[in-house]
């Protein structure tokens, strides 16, 4: 919830979204998933 960290994470997610543009994978694995926040984001996308 730290505003600086939230801004940093917004930049991180923006870069990730650009990397994923145009992809249509049938199978996705996240290695080092931790709490699963990225995994859940991938499932939504």
ModelCIF file with pLDDT and N, C-alpha, C, O atoms, coordinates in Angstrom:
data_MODEL
#
_entry.id   MODEL 
#
_entity.id                         1 
_entity.type                       polymer 
_entity.pdbx_number_of_molecules   1 
#
_entity_poly.entity_id                      1 
_entity_poly.type                           'polypeptide(L)' 
_entity_poly.nstd_linkage                   no 
_entity_poly.nstd_monomer                   no 
_entity_poly.pdbx_seq_one_letter_code       
;(UNK)(UNK)(UNK)(UNK)(UNK)(UNK)(UNK)(UNK)(UNK)(UNK)(UNK)(UNK)(UNK)(UNK)(UNK)(UNK)
(UNK)(UNK)(UNK)(UNK)(UNK)(UNK)(UNK)(UNK)(UNK)(UNK)(UNK)(UNK)(UNK)(UNK)(UNK)(UNK)
(UNK)(UNK)(UNK)(UNK)(UNK)(UNK)(UNK)(UNK)(UNK)(UNK)(UNK)(UNK)(UNK)
;
_entity_poly.pdbx_seq_one_letter_code_can   XXXXXXXXXXXXXXXXXXXXXXXXXXXXXXXXXXXXXXXXXXXXX 
_entity_poly.pdbx_strand_id                 A 
#
loop_
_entity_poly_seq.entity_id 
_entity_poly_seq.num 
_entity_poly_seq.mon_id 
_entity_poly_seq.hetero 
1 1  UNK n 
1 2  UNK n 
1 3  UNK n 
1 4  UNK n 
1 5  UNK n 
1 6  UNK n 
1 7  UNK n 
1 8  UNK n 
1 9  UNK n 
1 10 UNK n 
1 11 UNK n 
1 12 UNK n 
1 13 UNK n 
1 14 UNK n 
1 15 UNK n 
1 16 UNK n 
1 17 UNK n 
1 18 UNK n 
1 19 UNK n 
1 20 UNK n 
1 21 UNK n 
1 22 UNK n 
1 23 UNK n 
1 24 UNK n 
1 25 UNK n 
1 26 UNK n 
1 27 UNK n 
1 28 UNK n 
1 29 UNK n 
1 30 UNK n 
1 31 UNK n 
1 32 UNK n 
1 33 UNK n 
1 34 UNK n 
1 35 UNK n 
1 36 UNK n 
1 37 UNK n 
1 38 UNK n 
1 39 UNK n 
1 40 UNK n 
1 41 UNK n 
1 42 UNK n 
1 43 UNK n 
1 44 UNK n 
1 45 UNK n 
#
_struct_asym.id          A 
_struct_asym.entity_id   1 
#
loop_
_ma_qa_metric.id 
_ma_qa_metric.mode 
_ma_qa_metric.name 
_ma_qa_metric.software_group_id 
_ma_qa_metric.type 
1 global pLDDT . pLDDT 
2 local  pLDDT . pLDDT 
#
_ma_qa_metric_global.metric_id      1 
_ma_qa_metric_global.metric_value   92.51 
_ma_qa_metric_global.model_id       1 
_ma_qa_metric_global.ordinal_id     1 
#
loop_
_ma_qa_metric_local.label_asym_id 
_ma_qa_metric_local.label_comp_id 
_ma_qa_metric_local.label_seq_id 
_ma_qa_metric_local.metric_id 
_ma_qa_metric_local.metric_value 
_ma_qa_metric_local.model_id 
_ma_qa_metric_local.ordinal_id 
A UNK 1  2 69.00 1 1  
A UNK 2  2 69.00 1 2  
A UNK 3  2 75.00 1 3  
A UNK 4  2 76.00 1 4  
A UNK 5  2 79.00 1 5  
A UNK 6  2 82.00 1 6  
A UNK 7  2 89.00 1 7  
A UNK 8  2 88.00 1 8  
A UNK 9  2 89.00 1 9  
A UNK 10 2 93.00 1 10 
A UNK 11 2 95.00 1 11 
A UNK 12 2 95.00 1 12 
A UNK 13 2 95.00 1 13 
A UNK 14 2 96.00 1 14 
A UNK 15 2 97.00 1 15 
A UNK 16 2 97.00 1 16 
A UNK 17 2 97.00 1 17 
A UNK 18 2 96.00 1 18 
A UNK 19 2 96.00 1 19 
A UNK 20 2 97.00 1 20 
A UNK 21 2 96.00 1 21 
A UNK 22 2 95.00 1 22 
A UNK 23 2 97.00 1 23 
A UNK 24 2 97.00 1 24 
A UNK 25 2 98.00 1 25 
A UNK 26 2 98.00 1 26 
A UNK 27 2 98.00 1 27 
A UNK 28 2 98.00 1 28 
A UNK 29 2 98.00 1 29 
A UNK 30 2 98.00 1 30 
A UNK 31 2 98.00 1 31 
A UNK 32 2 95.00 1 32 
A UNK 33 2 94.00 1 33 
A UNK 34 2 92.00 1 34 
A UNK 35 2 91.00 1 35 
A UNK 36 2 93.00 1 36 
A UNK 37 2 91.00 1 37 
A UNK 38 2 94.00 1 38 
A UNK 39 2 96.00 1 39 
A UNK 40 2 95.00 1 40 
A UNK 41 2 95.00 1 41 
A UNK 42 2 97.00 1 42 
A UNK 43 2 96.00 1 43 
A UNK 44 2 96.00 1 44 
A UNK 45 2 97.00 1 45 
#
loop_
_atom_site.group_PDB 
_atom_site.id 
_atom_site.type_symbol 
_atom_site.label_atom_id 
_atom_site.label_alt_id 
_atom_site.label_comp_id 
_atom_site.label_asym_id 
_atom_site.label_entity_id 
_atom_site.label_seq_id 
_atom_site.pdbx_PDB_ins_code 
_atom_site.Cartn_x 
_atom_site.Cartn_y 
_atom_site.Cartn_z 
_atom_site.occupancy 
_atom_site.B_iso_or_equiv 
_atom_site.pdbx_formal_charge 
_atom_site.auth_seq_id 
_atom_site.auth_comp_id 
_atom_site.auth_asym_id 
_atom_site.auth_atom_id 
_atom_site.pdbx_PDB_model_num 
ATOM 1   N N  . UNK A 1 1  ? 0.821  -1.213  0.000   1.00 69.00 ? 1  UNK A N  1 
ATOM 2   C CA . UNK A 1 1  ? 0.000  0.000   0.000   1.00 69.00 ? 1  UNK A CA 1 
ATOM 3   C C  . UNK A 1 1  ? 0.858  1.267   0.000   1.00 69.00 ? 1  UNK A C  1 
ATOM 4   O O  . UNK A 1 1  ? 0.324  2.376   -0.039  1.00 69.00 ? 1  UNK A O  1 
ATOM 5   N N  . UNK A 1 2  ? 2.188  1.108   0.043   1.00 69.00 ? 2  UNK A N  1 
ATOM 6   C CA . UNK A 1 2  ? 3.088  2.257   -0.004  1.00 69.00 ? 2  UNK A CA 1 
ATOM 7   C C  . UNK A 1 2  ? 2.964  2.943   -1.373  1.00 69.00 ? 2  UNK A C  1 
ATOM 8   O O  . UNK A 1 2  ? 3.108  2.276   -2.397  1.00 69.00 ? 2  UNK A O  1 
ATOM 9   N N  . UNK A 1 3  ? 2.700  4.256   -1.417  1.00 75.00 ? 3  UNK A N  1 
ATOM 10  C CA . UNK A 1 3  ? 2.454  4.911   -2.705  1.00 75.00 ? 3  UNK A CA 1 
ATOM 11  C C  . UNK A 1 3  ? 3.629  4.838   -3.668  1.00 75.00 ? 3  UNK A C  1 
ATOM 12  O O  . UNK A 1 3  ? 3.429  4.723   -4.877  1.00 75.00 ? 3  UNK A O  1 
ATOM 13  N N  . UNK A 1 4  ? 4.853  4.904   -3.151  1.00 76.00 ? 4  UNK A N  1 
ATOM 14  C CA . UNK A 1 4  ? 6.020  4.802   -4.030  1.00 76.00 ? 4  UNK A CA 1 
ATOM 15  C C  . UNK A 1 4  ? 6.123  3.399   -4.614  1.00 76.00 ? 4  UNK A C  1 
ATOM 16  O O  . UNK A 1 4  ? 6.357  3.222   -5.809  1.00 76.00 ? 4  UNK A O  1 
ATOM 17  N N  . UNK A 1 5  ? 5.941  2.399   -3.739  1.00 79.00 ? 5  UNK A N  1 
ATOM 18  C CA . UNK A 1 5  ? 6.008  1.024   -4.220  1.00 79.00 ? 5  UNK A CA 1 
ATOM 19  C C  . UNK A 1 5  ? 4.870  0.723   -5.183  1.00 79.00 ? 5  UNK A C  1 
ATOM 20  O O  . UNK A 1 5  ? 5.059  -0.018  -6.148  1.00 79.00 ? 5  UNK A O  1 
ATOM 21  N N  . UNK A 1 6  ? 3.692  1.285   -4.938  1.00 82.00 ? 6  UNK A N  1 
ATOM 22  C CA . UNK A 1 6  ? 2.571  1.072   -5.851  1.00 82.00 ? 6  UNK A CA 1 
ATOM 23  C C  . UNK A 1 6  ? 2.864  1.674   -7.232  1.00 82.00 ? 6  UNK A C  1 
ATOM 24  O O  . UNK A 1 6  ? 2.494  1.096   -8.254  1.00 82.00 ? 6  UNK A O  1 
ATOM 25  N N  . UNK A 1 7  ? 3.522  2.824   -7.259  1.00 89.00 ? 7  UNK A N  1 
ATOM 26  C CA . UNK A 1 7  ? 3.890  3.426   -8.539  1.00 89.00 ? 7  UNK A CA 1 
ATOM 27  C C  . UNK A 1 7  ? 4.922  2.561   -9.260  1.00 89.00 ? 7  UNK A C  1 
ATOM 28  O O  . UNK A 1 7  ? 4.848  2.376   -10.475 1.00 89.00 ? 7  UNK A O  1 
ATOM 29  N N  . UNK A 1 8  ? 5.886  2.032   -8.501  1.00 88.00 ? 8  UNK A N  1 
ATOM 30  C CA . UNK A 1 8  ? 6.883  1.144   -9.094  1.00 88.00 ? 8  UNK A CA 1 
ATOM 31  C C  . UNK A 1 8  ? 6.219  -0.101  -9.666  1.00 88.00 ? 8  UNK A C  1 
ATOM 32  O O  . UNK A 1 8  ? 6.549  -0.535  -10.770 1.00 88.00 ? 8  UNK A O  1 
ATOM 33  N N  . UNK A 1 9  ? 5.271  -0.680  -8.907  1.00 89.00 ? 9  UNK A N  1 
ATOM 34  C CA . UNK A 1 9  ? 4.598  -1.885  -9.374  1.00 89.00 ? 9  UNK A CA 1 
ATOM 35  C C  . UNK A 1 9  ? 3.739  -1.597  -10.597 1.00 89.00 ? 9  UNK A C  1 
ATOM 36  O O  . UNK A 1 9  ? 3.594  -2.457  -11.466 1.00 89.00 ? 9  UNK A O  1 
ATOM 37  N N  . UNK A 1 10 ? 3.164  -0.388  -10.677 1.00 93.00 ? 10 UNK A N  1 
ATOM 38  C CA . UNK A 1 10 ? 2.395  -0.022  -11.868 1.00 93.00 ? 10 UNK A CA 1 
ATOM 39  C C  . UNK A 1 10 ? 3.290  -0.042  -13.107 1.00 93.00 ? 10 UNK A C  1 
ATOM 40  O O  . UNK A 1 10 ? 2.873  -0.495  -14.173 1.00 93.00 ? 10 UNK A O  1 
ATOM 41  N N  . UNK A 1 11 ? 4.525  0.453   -12.962 1.00 95.00 ? 11 UNK A N  1 
ATOM 42  C CA . UNK A 1 11 ? 5.475  0.402   -14.063 1.00 95.00 ? 11 UNK A CA 1 
ATOM 43  C C  . UNK A 1 11 ? 5.853  -1.022  -14.424 1.00 95.00 ? 11 UNK A C  1 
ATOM 44  O O  . UNK A 1 11 ? 6.006  -1.357  -15.598 1.00 95.00 ? 11 UNK A O  1 
ATOM 45  N N  . UNK A 1 12 ? 6.004  -1.866  -13.398 1.00 95.00 ? 12 UNK A N  1 
ATOM 46  C CA . UNK A 1 12 ? 6.330  -3.275  -13.602 1.00 95.00 ? 12 UNK A CA 1 
ATOM 47  C C  . UNK A 1 12 ? 5.221  -3.965  -14.390 1.00 95.00 ? 12 UNK A C  1 
ATOM 48  O O  . UNK A 1 12 ? 5.492  -4.657  -15.371 1.00 95.00 ? 12 UNK A O  1 
ATOM 49  N N  . UNK A 1 13 ? 3.966  -3.779  -13.960 1.00 95.00 ? 13 UNK A N  1 
ATOM 50  C CA . UNK A 1 13 ? 2.845  -4.428  -14.624 1.00 95.00 ? 13 UNK A CA 1 
ATOM 51  C C  . UNK A 1 13 ? 2.652  -3.896  -16.045 1.00 95.00 ? 13 UNK A C  1 
ATOM 52  O O  . UNK A 1 13 ? 2.267  -4.645  -16.943 1.00 95.00 ? 13 UNK A O  1 
ATOM 53  N N  . UNK A 1 14 ? 2.918  -2.615  -16.248 1.00 96.00 ? 14 UNK A N  1 
ATOM 54  C CA . UNK A 1 14 ? 2.814  -2.042  -17.581 1.00 96.00 ? 14 UNK A CA 1 
ATOM 55  C C  . UNK A 1 14 ? 3.814  -2.697  -18.526 1.00 96.00 ? 14 UNK A C  1 
ATOM 56  O O  . UNK A 1 14 ? 3.479  -3.020  -19.666 1.00 96.00 ? 14 UNK A O  1 
ATOM 57  N N  . UNK A 1 15 ? 5.046  -2.892  -18.047 1.00 97.00 ? 15 UNK A N  1 
ATOM 58  C CA . UNK A 1 15 ? 6.064  -3.565  -18.861 1.00 97.00 ? 15 UNK A CA 1 
ATOM 59  C C  . UNK A 1 15 ? 5.658  -5.000  -19.154 1.00 97.00 ? 15 UNK A C  1 
ATOM 60  O O  . UNK A 1 15 ? 5.821  -5.476  -20.278 1.00 97.00 ? 15 UNK A O  1 
ATOM 61  N N  . UNK A 1 16 ? 5.129  -5.695  -18.145 1.00 97.00 ? 16 UNK A N  1 
ATOM 62  C CA . UNK A 1 16 ? 4.695  -7.074  -18.347 1.00 97.00 ? 16 UNK A CA 1 
ATOM 63  C C  . UNK A 1 16 ? 3.568  -7.142  -19.373 1.00 97.00 ? 16 UNK A C  1 
ATOM 64  O O  . UNK A 1 16 ? 3.578  -8.004  -20.252 1.00 97.00 ? 16 UNK A O  1 
ATOM 65  N N  . UNK A 1 17 ? 2.595  -6.236  -19.265 1.00 97.00 ? 17 UNK A N  1 
ATOM 66  C CA . UNK A 1 17 ? 1.483  -6.235  -20.214 1.00 97.00 ? 17 UNK A CA 1 
ATOM 67  C C  . UNK A 1 17 ? 1.981  -6.032  -21.642 1.00 97.00 ? 17 UNK A C  1 
ATOM 68  O O  . UNK A 1 17 ? 1.474  -6.655  -22.575 1.00 97.00 ? 17 UNK A O  1 
ATOM 69  N N  . UNK A 1 18 ? 2.976  -5.160  -21.810 1.00 96.00 ? 18 UNK A N  1 
ATOM 70  C CA . UNK A 1 18 ? 3.529  -4.950  -23.157 1.00 96.00 ? 18 UNK A CA 1 
ATOM 71  C C  . UNK A 1 18 ? 4.204  -6.218  -23.668 1.00 96.00 ? 18 UNK A C  1 
ATOM 72  O O  . UNK A 1 18 ? 4.101  -6.538  -24.852 1.00 96.00 ? 18 UNK A O  1 
ATOM 73  N N  . UNK A 1 19 ? 4.890  -6.942  -22.791 1.00 96.00 ? 19 UNK A N  1 
ATOM 74  C CA . UNK A 1 19 ? 5.534  -8.192  -23.193 1.00 96.00 ? 19 UNK A CA 1 
ATOM 75  C C  . UNK A 1 19 ? 4.514  -9.219  -23.675 1.00 96.00 ? 19 UNK A C  1 
ATOM 76  O O  . UNK A 1 19 ? 4.800  -10.016 -24.568 1.00 96.00 ? 19 UNK A O  1 
ATOM 77  N N  . UNK A 1 20 ? 3.326  -9.194  -23.080 1.00 97.00 ? 20 UNK A N  1 
ATOM 78  C CA . UNK A 1 20 ? 2.310  -10.216 -23.362 1.00 97.00 ? 20 UNK A CA 1 
ATOM 79  C C  . UNK A 1 20 ? 1.405  -9.853  -24.535 1.00 97.00 ? 20 UNK A C  1 
ATOM 80  O O  . UNK A 1 20 ? 0.610  -10.681 -24.978 1.00 97.00 ? 20 UNK A O  1 
ATOM 81  N N  . UNK A 1 21 ? 1.514  -8.637  -25.039 1.00 96.00 ? 21 UNK A N  1 
ATOM 82  C CA . UNK A 1 21 ? 0.645  -8.212  -26.132 1.00 96.00 ? 21 UNK A CA 1 
ATOM 83  C C  . UNK A 1 21 ? 0.793  -9.133  -27.345 1.00 96.00 ? 21 UNK A C  1 
ATOM 84  O O  . UNK A 1 21 ? 1.904  -9.478  -27.749 1.00 96.00 ? 21 UNK A O  1 
ATOM 85  N N  . UNK A 1 22 ? -0.344 -9.521  -27.913 1.00 95.00 ? 22 UNK A N  1 
ATOM 86  C CA . UNK A 1 22 ? -0.343 -10.342 -29.113 1.00 95.00 ? 22 UNK A CA 1 
ATOM 87  C C  . UNK A 1 22 ? -0.206 -11.833 -28.856 1.00 95.00 ? 22 UNK A C  1 
ATOM 88  O O  . UNK A 1 22 ? -0.312 -12.627 -29.790 1.00 95.00 ? 22 UNK A O  1 
ATOM 89  N N  . UNK A 1 23 ? 0.024  -12.228 -27.624 1.00 97.00 ? 23 UNK A N  1 
ATOM 90  C CA . UNK A 1 23 ? 0.169  -13.652 -27.311 1.00 97.00 ? 23 UNK A CA 1 
ATOM 91  C C  . UNK A 1 23 ? -1.203 -14.278 -27.085 1.00 97.00 ? 23 UNK A C  1 
ATOM 92  O O  . UNK A 1 23 ? -2.127 -13.623 -26.602 1.00 97.00 ? 23 UNK A O  1 
ATOM 93  N N  . UNK A 1 24 ? -1.323 -15.564 -27.444 1.00 97.00 ? 24 UNK A N  1 
ATOM 94  C CA . UNK A 1 24 ? -2.542 -16.325 -27.169 1.00 97.00 ? 24 UNK A CA 1 
ATOM 95  C C  . UNK A 1 24 ? -2.170 -17.741 -26.740 1.00 97.00 ? 24 UNK A C  1 
ATOM 96  O O  . UNK A 1 24 ? -2.531 -18.707 -27.412 1.00 97.00 ? 24 UNK A O  1 
ATOM 97  N N  . UNK A 1 25 ? -1.446 -17.871 -25.615 1.00 98.00 ? 25 UNK A N  1 
ATOM 98  C CA . UNK A 1 25 ? -0.976 -19.193 -25.183 1.00 98.00 ? 25 UNK A CA 1 
ATOM 99  C C  . UNK A 1 25 ? -2.127 -20.073 -24.687 1.00 98.00 ? 25 UNK A C  1 
ATOM 100 O O  . UNK A 1 25 ? -3.088 -19.592 -24.088 1.00 98.00 ? 25 UNK A O  1 
ATOM 101 N N  . UNK A 1 26 ? -2.000 -21.373 -24.955 1.00 98.00 ? 26 UNK A N  1 
ATOM 102 C CA . UNK A 1 26 ? -2.973 -22.338 -24.422 1.00 98.00 ? 26 UNK A CA 1 
ATOM 103 C C  . UNK A 1 26 ? -2.539 -22.852 -23.062 1.00 98.00 ? 26 UNK A C  1 
ATOM 104 O O  . UNK A 1 26 ? -3.376 -23.244 -22.249 1.00 98.00 ? 26 UNK A O  1 
ATOM 105 N N  . UNK A 1 27 ? -1.236 -22.853 -22.808 1.00 98.00 ? 27 UNK A N  1 
ATOM 106 C CA . UNK A 1 27 ? -0.701 -23.318 -21.528 1.00 98.00 ? 27 UNK A CA 1 
ATOM 107 C C  . UNK A 1 27 ? 0.294  -22.294 -20.994 1.00 98.00 ? 27 UNK A C  1 
ATOM 108 O O  . UNK A 1 27 ? 1.154  -21.805 -21.727 1.00 98.00 ? 27 UNK A O  1 
ATOM 109 N N  . UNK A 1 28 ? 0.166  -21.978 -19.709 1.00 98.00 ? 28 UNK A N  1 
ATOM 110 C CA . UNK A 1 28 ? 1.032  -20.986 -19.057 1.00 98.00 ? 28 UNK A CA 1 
ATOM 111 C C  . UNK A 1 28 ? 1.464  -21.545 -17.714 1.00 98.00 ? 28 UNK A C  1 
ATOM 112 O O  . UNK A 1 28 ? 0.641  -22.073 -16.966 1.00 98.00 ? 28 UNK A O  1 
ATOM 113 N N  . UNK A 1 29 ? 2.746  -21.433 -17.402 1.00 98.00 ? 29 UNK A N  1 
ATOM 114 C CA . UNK A 1 29 ? 3.274  -21.797 -16.087 1.00 98.00 ? 29 UNK A CA 1 
ATOM 115 C C  . UNK A 1 29 ? 4.026  -20.601 -15.532 1.00 98.00 ? 29 UNK A C  1 
ATOM 116 O O  . UNK A 1 29 ? 4.866  -20.012 -16.212 1.00 98.00 ? 29 UNK A O  1 
ATOM 117 N N  . UNK A 1 30 ? 3.716  -20.244 -14.285 1.00 98.00 ? 30 UNK A N  1 
ATOM 118 C CA . UNK A 1 30 ? 4.532  -19.254 -13.581 1.00 98.00 ? 30 UNK A CA 1 
ATOM 119 C C  . UNK A 1 30 ? 5.414  -19.974 -12.588 1.00 98.00 ? 30 UNK A C  1 
ATOM 120 O O  . UNK A 1 30 ? 4.921  -20.668 -11.699 1.00 98.00 ? 30 UNK A O  1 
ATOM 121 N N  . UNK A 1 31 ? 6.712  -19.814 -12.735 1.00 98.00 ? 31 UNK A N  1 
ATOM 122 C CA . UNK A 1 31 ? 7.707  -20.392 -11.827 1.00 98.00 ? 31 UNK A CA 1 
ATOM 123 C C  . UNK A 1 31 ? 8.046  -19.346 -10.770 1.00 98.00 ? 31 UNK A C  1 
ATOM 124 O O  . UNK A 1 31 ? 8.298  -18.185 -11.094 1.00 98.00 ? 31 UNK A O  1 
ATOM 125 N N  . UNK A 1 32 ? 8.051  -19.765 -9.503  1.00 95.00 ? 32 UNK A N  1 
ATOM 126 C CA . UNK A 1 32 ? 8.276  -18.807 -8.432  1.00 95.00 ? 32 UNK A CA 1 
ATOM 127 C C  . UNK A 1 32 ? 7.058  -17.934 -8.223  1.00 95.00 ? 32 UNK A C  1 
ATOM 128 O O  . UNK A 1 32 ? 7.167  -16.710 -8.144  1.00 95.00 ? 32 UNK A O  1 
ATOM 129 N N  . UNK A 1 33 ? 5.892  -18.564 -8.134  1.00 94.00 ? 33 UNK A N  1 
ATOM 130 C CA . UNK A 1 33 ? 4.620  -17.845 -8.146  1.00 94.00 ? 33 UNK A CA 1 
ATOM 131 C C  . UNK A 1 33 ? 4.312  -17.116 -6.846  1.00 94.00 ? 33 UNK A C  1 
ATOM 132 O O  . UNK A 1 33 ? 3.453  -16.234 -6.831  1.00 94.00 ? 33 UNK A O  1 
ATOM 133 N N  . UNK A 1 34 ? 4.992  -17.462 -5.748  1.00 92.00 ? 34 UNK A N  1 
ATOM 134 C CA . UNK A 1 34 ? 4.725  -16.793 -4.479  1.00 92.00 ? 34 UNK A CA 1 
ATOM 135 C C  . UNK A 1 34 ? 3.269  -16.890 -4.086  1.00 92.00 ? 34 UNK A C  1 
ATOM 136 O O  . UNK A 1 34 ? 2.686  -17.974 -4.120  1.00 92.00 ? 34 UNK A O  1 
ATOM 137 N N  . UNK A 1 35 ? 2.673  -15.769 -3.712  1.00 91.00 ? 35 UNK A N  1 
ATOM 138 C CA . UNK A 1 35 ? 1.276  -15.748 -3.294  1.00 91.00 ? 35 UNK A CA 1 
ATOM 139 C C  . UNK A 1 35 ? 0.311  -15.937 -4.455  1.00 91.00 ? 35 UNK A C  1 
ATOM 140 O O  . UNK A 1 35 ? -0.893 -16.072 -4.239  1.00 91.00 ? 35 UNK A O  1 
ATOM 141 N N  . UNK A 1 36 ? 0.817  -15.948 -5.678  1.00 93.00 ? 36 UNK A N  1 
ATOM 142 C CA . UNK A 1 36 ? -0.027 -16.210 -6.838  1.00 93.00 ? 36 UNK A CA 1 
ATOM 143 C C  . UNK A 1 36 ? -0.665 -14.990 -7.449  1.00 93.00 ? 36 UNK A C  1 
ATOM 144 O O  . UNK A 1 36 ? -1.601 -15.116 -8.239  1.00 93.00 ? 36 UNK A O  1 
ATOM 145 N N  . UNK A 1 37 ? -0.183 -13.808 -7.107  1.00 91.00 ? 37 UNK A N  1 
ATOM 146 C CA . UNK A 1 37 ? -0.830 -12.599 -7.628  1.00 91.00 ? 37 UNK A CA 1 
ATOM 147 C C  . UNK A 1 37 ? -0.620 -12.460 -9.141  1.00 91.00 ? 37 UNK A C  1 
ATOM 148 O O  . UNK A 1 37 ? -1.535 -12.053 -9.857  1.00 91.00 ? 37 UNK A O  1 
ATOM 149 N N  . UNK A 1 38 ? 0.560  -12.792 -9.622  1.00 94.00 ? 38 UNK A N  1 
ATOM 150 C CA . UNK A 1 38 ? 0.793  -12.758 -11.062 1.00 94.00 ? 38 UNK A CA 1 
ATOM 151 C C  . UNK A 1 38 ? 0.044  -13.900 -11.736 1.00 94.00 ? 38 UNK A C  1 
ATOM 152 O O  . UNK A 1 38 ? -0.522 -13.718 -12.813 1.00 94.00 ? 38 UNK A O  1 
ATOM 153 N N  . UNK A 1 39 ? 0.033  -15.081 -11.110 1.00 96.00 ? 39 UNK A N  1 
ATOM 154 C CA . UNK A 1 39 ? -0.677 -16.231 -11.675 1.00 96.00 ? 39 UNK A CA 1 
ATOM 155 C C  . UNK A 1 39 ? -2.146 -15.895 -11.882 1.00 96.00 ? 39 UNK A C  1 
ATOM 156 O O  . UNK A 1 39 ? -2.713 -16.179 -12.937 1.00 96.00 ? 39 UNK A O  1 
ATOM 157 N N  . UNK A 1 40 ? -2.764 -15.283 -10.862 1.00 95.00 ? 40 UNK A N  1 
ATOM 158 C CA . UNK A 1 40 ? -4.155 -14.880 -10.991 1.00 95.00 ? 40 UNK A CA 1 
ATOM 159 C C  . UNK A 1 40 ? -4.359 -13.853 -12.088 1.00 95.00 ? 40 UNK A C  1 
ATOM 160 O O  . UNK A 1 40 ? -5.350 -13.893 -12.816 1.00 95.00 ? 40 UNK A O  1 
ATOM 161 N N  . UNK A 1 41 ? -3.418 -12.937 -12.199 1.00 95.00 ? 41 UNK A N  1 
ATOM 162 C CA . UNK A 1 41 ? -3.485 -11.909 -13.247 1.00 95.00 ? 41 UNK A CA 1 
ATOM 163 C C  . UNK A 1 41 ? -3.409 -12.553 -14.628 1.00 95.00 ? 41 UNK A C  1 
ATOM 164 O O  . UNK A 1 41 ? -4.124 -12.145 -15.543 1.00 95.00 ? 41 UNK A O  1 
ATOM 165 N N  . UNK A 1 42 ? -2.547 -13.557 -14.783 1.00 97.00 ? 42 UNK A N  1 
ATOM 166 C CA . UNK A 1 42 ? -2.425 -14.265 -16.052 1.00 97.00 ? 42 UNK A CA 1 
ATOM 167 C C  . UNK A 1 42 ? -3.709 -15.013 -16.391 1.00 97.00 ? 42 UNK A C  1 
ATOM 168 O O  . UNK A 1 42 ? -4.138 -15.029 -17.544 1.00 97.00 ? 42 UNK A O  1 
ATOM 169 N N  . UNK A 1 43 ? -4.325 -15.637 -15.373 1.00 96.00 ? 43 UNK A N  1 
ATOM 170 C CA . UNK A 1 43 ? -5.579 -16.367 -15.600 1.00 96.00 ? 43 UNK A CA 1 
ATOM 171 C C  . UNK A 1 43 ? -6.682 -15.426 -16.063 1.00 96.00 ? 43 UNK A C  1 
ATOM 172 O O  . UNK A 1 43 ? -7.508 -15.808 -16.892 1.00 96.00 ? 43 UNK A O  1 
ATOM 173 N N  . UNK A 1 44 ? -6.710 -14.192 -15.539 1.00 96.00 ? 44 UNK A N  1 
ATOM 174 C CA . UNK A 1 44 ? -7.700 -13.211 -15.962 1.00 96.00 ? 44 UNK A CA 1 
ATOM 175 C C  . UNK A 1 44 ? -7.438 -12.726 -17.385 1.00 96.00 ? 44 UNK A C  1 
ATOM 176 O O  . UNK A 1 44 ? -8.369 -12.523 -18.165 1.00 96.00 ? 44 UNK A O  1 
ATOM 177 N N  . UNK A 1 45 ? -6.165 -12.545 -17.711 1.00 97.00 ? 45 UNK A N  1 
ATOM 178 C CA . UNK A 1 45 ? -5.823 -12.036 -19.046 1.00 97.00 ? 45 UNK A CA 1 
ATOM 179 C C  . UNK A 1 45 ? -6.050 -13.091 -20.123 1.00 97.00 ? 45 UNK A C  1 
ATOM 180 O O  . UNK A 1 45 ? -5.812 -12.831 -21.302 1.00 97.00 ? 45 UNK A O  1 
#
